[in-house]
Amino acid sequence: MRLTEIWRHPIKGHGREAIRGFDIASGGTIPGDRVWAVAHEASKQRGSEWVPPANFQRGAKLPALMAITAESGSGTVTLHHPGRPDLTFDPDGDSRVFLDWIAPLLDPARAAPTGIVRSADRGYTDTDFPSISLNNAASLDALAAAMGRDLSRHRWRGNLWIEGAAPWSEFDWIGREATLGTARFRVVQRITRCRATMADPESGLIDGDTLGALEAGWGHRDFGVYLVCVAPGRVEIDDTLVLA
């Protein structure tokens, strides 16, 4: 089994970014992943503490966000969207330029964004523990075959993609440890998916019932697994995944 793609998301729910590798600390997340998040009017987020995803603007409620891609710079993030001009800005600075940029992609029936918040010591993962998501390319192929269409990997906003595993075998790894590069991880739980996966990541439009297909074919809405880092190290594309 081989690691073929690594992705991080500098601003939670607002753009994916490909990277070649990363160094990770025990109990940590991928550096630069979900460092920031966009709070909205109904958010209970205070300061920089972790709160559940519903407190932030995200693709499950705003599918247009799924078409954003990102690039991290020195103190800046550049966002791209097919319907907007490119934006380079400092997420720790005045968020007004970002709020103006994102406004045409929003649903006025949803709580309006109020600004960007920064995580103090961990990314704003979807879990209440520092996690990394791992997805299996063969499972995606199985789902695509069941739906009779191609499915982009970007629908799943995953951190790591592997090839060479049997479809859905990742669910059997729960409780086991896995080595990637010089880092070691524990596979802790399956990832239950939301409506964000129903949006085309090129256009940001809902175009496929991924959740219904998962339920019809396999009786669940799960895709991918969460990892936690139990020993620090370096992870790079083409590393072999070895299960203990």
C-alpha atoms as a PDB file:
ATOM      1  CA  MET A   1       0.000   0.000   0.000  1.00  0.00           C
ATOM      2  CA  ARG A   2       1.388   3.359  -1.068  1.00  0.00           C
ATOM      3  CA  LEU A   3       0.670   6.965  -0.129  1.00  0.00           C
ATOM      4  CA  THR A   4      -0.153   8.838  -3.359  1.00  0.00           C
ATOM      5  CA  GLU A   5      -1.582  12.207  -2.283  1.00  0.00           C
ATOM      6  CA  ILE A   6      -1.290  14.555   0.697  1.00  0.00           C
ATOM      7  CA  TRP A   7      -3.686  17.469   1.173  1.00  0.00           C
ATOM      8  CA  ARG A   8      -4.175  20.131   3.780  1.00  0.00           C
ATOM      9  CA  HIS A   9      -6.805  22.836   4.159  1.00  0.00           C
ATOM     10  CA  PRO A  10      -5.332  26.086   5.548  1.00  0.00           C
ATOM     11  CA  ILE A  11      -8.756  27.630   6.256  1.00  0.00           C
ATOM     12  CA  LYS A  12     -11.282  25.002   7.313  1.00  0.00           C
ATOM     13  CA  GLY A  13     -13.894  24.505   4.593  1.00  0.00           C
ATOM     14  CA  HIS A  14     -12.266  27.081   2.300  1.00  0.00           C
ATOM     15  CA  GLY A  15      -9.821  25.437  -0.039  1.00  0.00           C
ATOM     16  CA  ARG A  16      -7.554  22.434  -0.442  1.00  0.00           C
ATOM     17  CA  GLU A  17      -3.782  22.516  -0.977  1.00  0.00           C
ATOM     18  CA  ALA A  18      -1.530  19.690  -2.192  1.00  0.00           C
ATOM     19  CA  ILE A  19       1.789  19.130  -0.414  1.00  0.00           C
ATOM     20  CA  ARG A  20       4.611  16.628  -0.893  1.00  0.00           C
ATOM     21  CA  GLY A  21       5.298  15.778   2.733  1.00  0.00           C
ATOM     22  CA  PHE A  22       5.191  16.913   6.335  1.00  0.00           C
ATOM     23  CA  ASP A  23       6.790  16.444   9.740  1.00  0.00           C
ATOM     24  CA  ILE A  24       4.349  15.534  12.479  1.00  0.00           C
ATOM     25  CA  ALA A  25       4.559  15.519  16.271  1.00  0.00           C
ATOM     26  CA  SER A  26       3.045  12.839  18.452  1.00  0.00           C
ATOM     27  CA  GLY A  27      -0.581  13.814  19.063  1.00  0.00           C
ATOM     28  CA  GLY A  28      -0.364  16.476  16.380  1.00  0.00           C
ATOM     29  CA  THR A  29      -2.038  17.276  13.091  1.00  0.00           C
ATOM     30  CA  ILE A  30      -0.551  18.018   9.689  1.00  0.00           C
ATOM     31  CA  PRO A  31       1.191  21.405   9.986  1.00  0.00           C
ATOM     32  CA  GLY A  32      -0.855  24.060   8.224  1.00  0.00           C
ATOM     33  CA  ASP A  33      -4.046  21.984   8.168  1.00  0.00           C
ATOM     34  CA  ARG A  34      -7.201  23.821   9.291  1.00  0.00           C
ATOM     35  CA  VAL A  35      -5.177  26.426  11.148  1.00  0.00           C
ATOM     36  CA  TRP A  36      -8.014  28.907  10.617  1.00  0.00           C
ATOM     37  CA  ALA A  37     -11.799  28.627  10.430  1.00  0.00           C
ATOM     38  CA  VAL A  38     -14.605  31.029   9.521  1.00  0.00           C
ATOM     39  CA  ALA A  39     -16.989  31.719  12.402  1.00  0.00           C
ATOM     40  CA  HIS A  40     -20.592  32.730  11.715  1.00  0.00           C
ATOM     41  CA  GLU A  41     -23.354  34.590  13.527  1.00  0.00           C
ATOM     42  CA  ALA A  42     -24.634  31.484  15.345  1.00  0.00           C
ATOM     43  CA  SER A  43     -21.183  30.280  16.393  1.00  0.00           C
ATOM     44  CA  LYS A  44     -20.423  29.528  20.038  1.00  0.00           C
ATOM     45  CA  GLN A  45     -16.708  29.727  19.367  1.00  0.00           C
ATOM     46  CA  ARG A  46     -14.818  31.936  21.809  1.00  0.00           C
ATOM     47  CA  GLY A  47     -11.136  32.671  21.629  1.00  0.00           C
ATOM     48  CA  SER A  48      -9.154  29.907  19.931  1.00  0.00           C
ATOM     49  CA  GLU A  49     -10.518  26.757  21.568  1.00  0.00           C
ATOM     50  CA  TRP A  50     -11.769  23.778  19.547  1.00  0.00           C
ATOM     51  CA  VAL A  51     -15.530  23.657  18.967  1.00  0.00           C
ATOM     52  CA  PRO A  52     -17.646  21.342  16.749  1.00  0.00           C
ATOM     53  CA  PRO A  53     -17.749  21.995  12.984  1.00  0.00           C
ATOM     54  CA  ALA A  54     -21.301  23.385  13.083  1.00  0.00           C
ATOM     55  CA  ASN A  55     -19.850  26.546  14.615  1.00  0.00           C
ATOM     56  CA  PHE A  56     -18.038  27.322  11.378  1.00  0.00           C
ATOM     57  CA  GLN A  57     -18.900  28.058   7.763  1.00  0.00           C
ATOM     58  CA  ARG A  58     -18.521  24.810   5.760  1.00  0.00           C
ATOM     59  CA  GLY A  59     -19.333  22.984   2.570  1.00  0.00           C
ATOM     60  CA  ALA A  60     -22.104  20.887   4.119  1.00  0.00           C
ATOM     61  CA  LYS A  61     -24.264  24.041   4.228  1.00  0.00           C
ATOM     62  CA  LEU A  62     -22.594  26.045   1.451  1.00  0.00           C
ATOM     63  CA  PRO A  63     -21.613  23.734  -1.435  1.00  0.00           C
ATOM     64  CA  ALA A  64     -20.048  26.587  -3.425  1.00  0.00           C
ATOM     65  CA  LEU A  65     -17.156  26.516  -0.939  1.00  0.00           C
ATOM     66  CA  MET A  66     -16.165  23.069  -2.215  1.00  0.00           C
ATOM     67  CA  ALA A  67     -14.730  24.617  -5.403  1.00  0.00           C
ATOM     68  CA  ILE A  68     -12.152  26.724  -3.545  1.00  0.00           C
ATOM     69  CA  THR A  69      -8.472  25.809  -3.767  1.00  0.00           C
ATOM     70  CA  ALA A  70      -5.734  27.356  -1.658  1.00  0.00           C
ATOM     71  CA  GLU A  71      -2.029  28.135  -1.573  1.00  0.00           C
ATOM     72  CA  SER A  72      -0.133  28.963   1.604  1.00  0.00           C
ATOM     73  CA  GLY A  73       2.497  31.687   1.422  1.00  0.00           C
ATOM     74  CA  SER A  74       4.725  33.436   3.926  1.00  0.00           C
ATOM     75  CA  GLY A  75       2.064  34.871   6.216  1.00  0.00           C
ATOM     76  CA  THR A  76      -0.601  34.777   3.509  1.00  0.00           C
ATOM     77  CA  VAL A  77      -3.143  32.440   1.926  1.00  0.00           C
ATOM     78  CA  THR A  78      -4.226  32.693  -1.714  1.00  0.00           C
ATOM     79  CA  LEU A  79      -7.725  31.461  -2.553  1.00  0.00           C
ATOM     80  CA  HIS A  80      -8.996  30.475  -6.012  1.00  0.00           C
ATOM     81  CA  HIS A  81     -12.598  29.849  -7.121  1.00  0.00           C
ATOM     82  CA  PRO A  82     -13.993  29.535 -10.665  1.00  0.00           C
ATOM     83  CA  GLY A  83     -16.525  32.265  -9.958  1.00  0.00           C
ATOM     84  CA  ARG A  84     -14.249  34.744  -8.163  1.00  0.00           C
ATOM     85  CA  PRO A  85     -10.966  36.579  -8.804  1.00  0.00           C
ATOM     86  CA  ASP A  86      -7.967  35.233  -6.916  1.00  0.00           C
ATOM     87  CA  LEU A  87      -7.506  36.615  -3.408  1.00  0.00           C
ATOM     88  CA  THR A  88      -4.219  36.791  -1.488  1.00  0.00           C
ATOM     89  CA  PHE A  89      -4.569  37.982   2.097  1.00  0.00           C
ATOM     90  CA  ASP A  90      -3.381  37.529   5.683  1.00  0.00           C
ATOM     91  CA  PRO A  91      -5.947  35.472   7.631  1.00  0.00           C
ATOM     92  CA  ASP A  92      -4.576  36.910  10.892  1.00  0.00           C
ATOM     93  CA  GLY A  93      -5.113  40.458   9.639  1.00  0.00           C
ATOM     94  CA  ASP A  94      -8.267  42.334   8.745  1.00  0.00           C
ATOM     95  CA  SER A  95     -10.786  39.755   7.529  1.00  0.00           C
ATOM     96  CA  ARG A  96     -12.942  42.322   5.726  1.00  0.00           C
ATOM     97  CA  VAL A  97     -11.279  41.673   2.368  1.00  0.00           C
ATOM     98  CA  PHE A  98     -12.021  37.952   2.778  1.00  0.00           C
ATOM     99  CA  LEU A  99     -15.646  38.561   3.809  1.00  0.00           C
ATOM    100  CA  ASP A 100     -16.165  40.737   0.747  1.00  0.00           C
ATOM    101  CA  TRP A 101     -14.577  38.093  -1.485  1.00  0.00           C
ATOM    102  CA  ILE A 102     -16.650  35.211  -0.123  1.00  0.00           C
ATOM    103  CA  ALA A 103     -19.992  37.076  -0.051  1.00  0.00           C
ATOM    104  CA  PRO A 104     -21.173  36.106  -3.596  1.00  0.00           C
ATOM    105  CA  LEU A 105     -20.704  32.399  -2.759  1.00  0.00           C
ATOM    106  CA  LEU A 106     -22.947  32.463   0.302  1.00  0.00           C
ATOM    107  CA  ASP A 107     -26.592  31.601   0.912  1.00  0.00           C
ATOM    108  CA  PRO A 108     -28.413  34.569   2.479  1.00  0.00           C
ATOM    109  CA  ALA A 109     -30.660  32.113   4.321  1.00  0.00           C
ATOM    110  CA  ARG A 110     -27.651  30.838   6.282  1.00  0.00           C
ATOM    111  CA  ALA A 111     -25.922  32.503   9.234  1.00  0.00           C
ATOM    112  CA  ALA A 112     -23.542  35.138   7.873  1.00  0.00           C
ATOM    113  CA  PRO A 113     -19.797  34.836   8.479  1.00  0.00           C
ATOM    114  CA  THR A 114     -18.358  37.181  11.104  1.00  0.00           C
ATOM    115  CA  GLY A 115     -14.626  36.647  10.730  1.00  0.00           C
ATOM    116  CA  ILE A 116     -11.673  34.276  10.762  1.00  0.00           C
ATOM    117  CA  VAL A 117     -10.436  32.614  13.959  1.00  0.00           C
ATOM    118  CA  ARG A 118      -7.083  30.897  14.483  1.00  0.00           C
ATOM    119  CA  SER A 119      -6.488  27.679  16.396  1.00  0.00           C
ATOM    120  CA  ALA A 120      -4.078  28.084  19.280  1.00  0.00           C
ATOM    121  CA  ASP A 121      -2.349  24.714  19.336  1.00  0.00           C
ATOM    122  CA  ARG A 122      -4.095  22.336  16.933  1.00  0.00           C
ATOM    123  CA  GLY A 123      -6.110  22.444  13.738  1.00  0.00           C
ATOM    124  CA  TYR A 124      -9.884  22.825  13.670  1.00  0.00           C
ATOM    125  CA  THR A 125     -10.409  19.187  12.748  1.00  0.00           C
ATOM    126  CA  ASP A 126     -13.928  17.736  12.577  1.00  0.00           C
ATOM    127  CA  THR A 127     -13.082  15.599  15.628  1.00  0.00           C
ATOM    128  CA  ASP A 128     -12.635  16.663  19.242  1.00  0.00           C
ATOM    129  CA  PHE A 129      -9.154  15.129  19.106  1.00  0.00           C
ATOM    130  CA  PRO A 130      -6.270  16.064  16.758  1.00  0.00           C
ATOM    131  CA  SER A 131      -6.892  13.840  13.737  1.00  0.00           C
ATOM    132  CA  ILE A 132      -5.724  13.118  10.202  1.00  0.00           C
ATOM    133  CA  SER A 133      -8.053  11.608   7.622  1.00  0.00           C
ATOM    134  CA  LEU A 134      -6.978   8.708   5.427  1.00  0.00           C
ATOM    135  CA  ASN A 135      -8.935   7.618   2.352  1.00  0.00           C
ATOM    136  CA  ASN A 136      -8.636   4.515   0.199  1.00  0.00           C
ATOM    137  CA  ALA A 137      -8.643   5.019  -3.589  1.00  0.00           C
ATOM    138  CA  ALA A 138     -10.122   1.535  -4.115  1.00  0.00           C
ATOM    139  CA  SER A 139     -13.125   2.397  -1.934  1.00  0.00           C
ATOM    140  CA  LEU A 140     -13.715   5.488  -4.043  1.00  0.00           C
ATOM    141  CA  ASP A 141     -13.538   3.376  -7.194  1.00  0.00           C
ATOM    142  CA  ALA A 142     -16.137   1.007  -5.722  1.00  0.00           C
ATOM    143  CA  LEU A 143     -18.483   3.870  -4.908  1.00  0.00           C
ATOM    144  CA  ALA A 144     -17.976   5.452  -8.345  1.00  0.00           C
ATOM    145  CA  ALA A 145     -18.791   2.123 -10.016  1.00  0.00           C
ATOM    146  CA  ALA A 146     -21.969   1.817  -7.955  1.00  0.00           C
ATOM    147  CA  MET A 147     -23.004   5.328  -9.010  1.00  0.00           C
ATOM    148  CA  GLY A 148     -22.000   4.746 -12.638  1.00  0.00           C
ATOM    149  CA  ARG A 149     -19.849   7.857 -12.839  1.00  0.00           C
ATOM    150  CA  ASP A 150     -16.439   9.301 -11.995  1.00  0.00           C
ATOM    151  CA  LEU A 151     -16.015  10.817  -8.533  1.00  0.00           C
ATOM    152  CA  SER A 152     -13.306  13.313  -7.665  1.00  0.00           C
ATOM    153  CA  ARG A 153     -11.164  12.626  -4.631  1.00  0.00           C
ATOM    154  CA  HIS A 154     -11.645  16.254  -3.650  1.00  0.00           C
ATOM    155  CA  ARG A 155     -15.238  15.610  -2.578  1.00  0.00           C
ATOM    156  CA  TRP A 156     -13.906  14.016   0.608  1.00  0.00           C
ATOM    157  CA  ARG A 157     -11.500  16.777   1.759  1.00  0.00           C
ATOM    158  CA  GLY A 158      -9.098  14.064   2.865  1.00  0.00           C
ATOM    159  CA  ASN A 159      -5.551  14.519   4.106  1.00  0.00           C
ATOM    160  CA  LEU A 160      -4.038  11.237   2.889  1.00  0.00           C
ATOM    161  CA  TRP A 161      -4.882   8.986  -0.068  1.00  0.00           C
ATOM    162  CA  ILE A 162      -3.517   5.470  -0.417  1.00  0.00           C
ATOM    163  CA  GLU A 163      -3.515   2.974  -3.269  1.00  0.00           C
ATOM    164  CA  GLY A 164      -2.974  -0.781  -3.191  1.00  0.00           C
ATOM    165  CA  ALA A 165      -5.533  -1.663  -0.492  1.00  0.00           C
ATOM    166  CA  ALA A 166      -8.709  -3.685  -1.050  1.00  0.00           C
ATOM    167  CA  PRO A 167     -11.971  -1.695  -1.171  1.00  0.00           C
ATOM    168  CA  TRP A 168     -13.252  -0.825   2.309  1.00  0.00           C
ATOM    169  CA  SER A 169     -10.409  -2.725   3.991  1.00  0.00           C
ATOM    170  CA  GLU A 170      -9.542   0.463   5.914  1.00  0.00           C
ATOM    171  CA  PHE A 171     -12.547  -0.147   8.163  1.00  0.00           C
ATOM    172  CA  ASP A 172     -10.918  -3.368   9.340  1.00  0.00           C
ATOM    173  CA  TRP A 173      -7.884  -1.441  10.565  1.00  0.00           C
ATOM    174  CA  ILE A 174      -9.693   0.262  13.449  1.00  0.00           C
ATOM    175  CA  GLY A 175      -7.607  -0.213  16.604  1.00  0.00           C
ATOM    176  CA  ARG A 176      -4.448  -1.129  14.684  1.00  0.00           C
ATOM    177  CA  GLU A 177      -1.287   0.913  14.229  1.00  0.00           C
ATOM    178  CA  ALA A 178       0.169   1.929  10.888  1.00  0.00           C
ATOM    179  CA  THR A 179       3.547   3.315   9.887  1.00  0.00           C
ATOM    180  CA  LEU A 180       3.950   5.895   7.130  1.00  0.00           C
ATOM    181  CA  GLY A 181       7.500   7.055   6.526  1.00  0.00           C
ATOM    182  CA  THR A 182       9.068   7.380   9.972  1.00  0.00           C
ATOM    183  CA  ALA A 183       5.820   8.335  11.760  1.00  0.00           C
ATOM    184  CA  ARG A 184       3.412   5.931  13.415  1.00  0.00           C
ATOM    185  CA  PHE A 185      -0.359   6.305  13.683  1.00  0.00           C
ATOM    186  CA  ARG A 186      -3.303   4.553  15.314  1.00  0.00           C
ATOM    187  CA  VAL A 187      -6.441   4.028  13.242  1.00  0.00           C
ATOM    188  CA  VAL A 188      -9.199   5.170  15.587  1.00  0.00           C
ATOM    189  CA  GLN A 189     -12.574   5.449  13.831  1.00  0.00           C
ATOM    190  CA  ARG A 190     -14.533   5.596  10.597  1.00  0.00           C
ATOM    191  CA  ILE A 191     -15.524   8.954   9.108  1.00  0.00           C
ATOM    192  CA  THR A 192     -19.256   9.528   8.740  1.00  0.00           C
ATOM    193  CA  ARG A 193     -19.812  11.873   5.820  1.00  0.00           C
ATOM    194  CA  CYS A 194     -21.993  14.931   5.239  1.00  0.00           C
ATOM    195  CA  ARG A 195     -23.669  16.681   2.312  1.00  0.00           C
ATOM    196  CA  ALA A 196     -20.440  18.427   1.299  1.00  0.00           C
ATOM    197  CA  THR A 197     -19.485  15.233  -0.560  1.00  0.00           C
ATOM    198  CA  MET A 198     -22.493  15.690  -2.838  1.00  0.00           C
ATOM    199  CA  ALA A 199     -20.973  18.822  -4.433  1.00  0.00           C
ATOM    200  CA  ASP A 200     -18.791  18.856  -7.533  1.00  0.00           C
ATOM    201  CA  PRO A 201     -15.434  20.269  -6.322  1.00  0.00           C
ATOM    202  CA  GLU A 202     -14.845  21.958  -9.668  1.00  0.00           C
ATOM    203  CA  SER A 203     -18.102  23.920  -9.822  1.00  0.00           C
ATOM    204  CA  GLY A 204     -19.351  23.910  -6.231  1.00  0.00           C
ATOM    205  CA  LEU A 205     -22.766  22.630  -7.371  1.00  0.00           C
ATOM    206  CA  ILE A 206     -24.619  19.619  -5.928  1.00  0.00           C
ATOM    207  CA  ASP A 207     -24.454  16.935  -8.619  1.00  0.00           C
ATOM    208  CA  GLY A 208     -24.428  13.490  -7.011  1.00  0.00           C
ATOM    209  CA  ASP A 209     -26.087  11.638  -4.128  1.00  0.00           C
ATOM    210  CA  THR A 210     -22.957  10.132  -2.591  1.00  0.00           C
ATOM    211  CA  LEU A 211     -24.662   9.642   0.761  1.00  0.00           C
ATOM    212  CA  GLY A 212     -27.606   7.797  -0.752  1.00  0.00           C
ATOM    213  CA  ALA A 213     -25.249   5.577  -2.761  1.00  0.00           C
ATOM    214  CA  LEU A 214     -23.255   4.678   0.348  1.00  0.00           C
ATOM    215  CA  GLU A 215     -26.428   3.796   2.227  1.00  0.00           C
ATOM    216  CA  ALA A 216     -27.899   1.801  -0.671  1.00  0.00           C
ATOM    217  CA  GLY A 217     -24.737  -0.146  -1.392  1.00  0.00           C
ATOM    218  CA  TRP A 218     -23.169  -0.603   2.038  1.00  0.00           C
ATOM    219  CA  GLY A 219     -25.708   0.449   4.659  1.00  0.00           C
ATOM    220  CA  HIS A 220     -23.772   3.411   6.036  1.00  0.00           C
ATOM    221  CA  ARG A 221     -22.513   6.919   5.217  1.00  0.00           C
ATOM    222  CA  ASP A 222     -18.891   6.242   6.125  1.00  0.00           C
ATOM    223  CA  PHE A 223     -15.892   6.939   3.926  1.00  0.00           C
ATOM    224  CA  GLY A 224     -12.292   6.943   5.150  1.00  0.00           C
ATOM    225  CA  VAL A 225     -10.836   6.638   8.631  1.00  0.00           C
ATOM    226  CA  TYR A 226      -9.317   8.968  11.203  1.00  0.00           C
ATOM    227  CA  LEU A 227      -5.744   8.512  12.375  1.00  0.00           C
ATOM    228  CA  VAL A 228      -3.966   9.886  15.443  1.00  0.00           C
ATOM    229  CA  CYS A 229      -0.191  10.213  15.514  1.00  0.00           C
ATOM    230  CA  VAL A 230       1.389   8.100  18.259  1.00  0.00           C
ATOM    231  CA  ALA A 231       5.062   8.541  17.294  1.00  0.00           C
ATOM    232  CA  PRO A 232       6.565  11.549  15.495  1.00  0.00           C
ATOM    233  CA  GLY A 233       8.256  11.417  12.120  1.00  0.00           C
ATOM    234  CA  ARG A 234       8.363  12.436   8.490  1.00  0.00           C
ATOM    235  CA  VAL A 235       5.693  11.443   5.948  1.00  0.00           C
ATOM    236  CA  GLU A 236       6.080  11.879   2.175  1.00  0.00           C
ATOM    237  CA  ILE A 237       4.307  10.892  -1.022  1.00  0.00           C
ATOM    238  CA  ASP A 238       5.259   7.358  -2.152  1.00  0.00           C
ATOM    239  CA  ASP A 239       5.795   6.177   1.423  1.00  0.00           C
ATOM    240  CA  THR A 240       4.596   2.643   2.092  1.00  0.00           C
ATOM    241  CA  LEU A 241       1.788   2.088   4.570  1.00  0.00           C
ATOM    242  CA  VAL A 242       2.657  -0.791   6.891  1.00  0.00           C
ATOM    243  CA  LEU A 243       0.088  -2.147   9.328  1.00  0.00           C
ATOM    244  CA  ALA A 244       1.161  -3.570  12.688  1.00  0.00           C
END
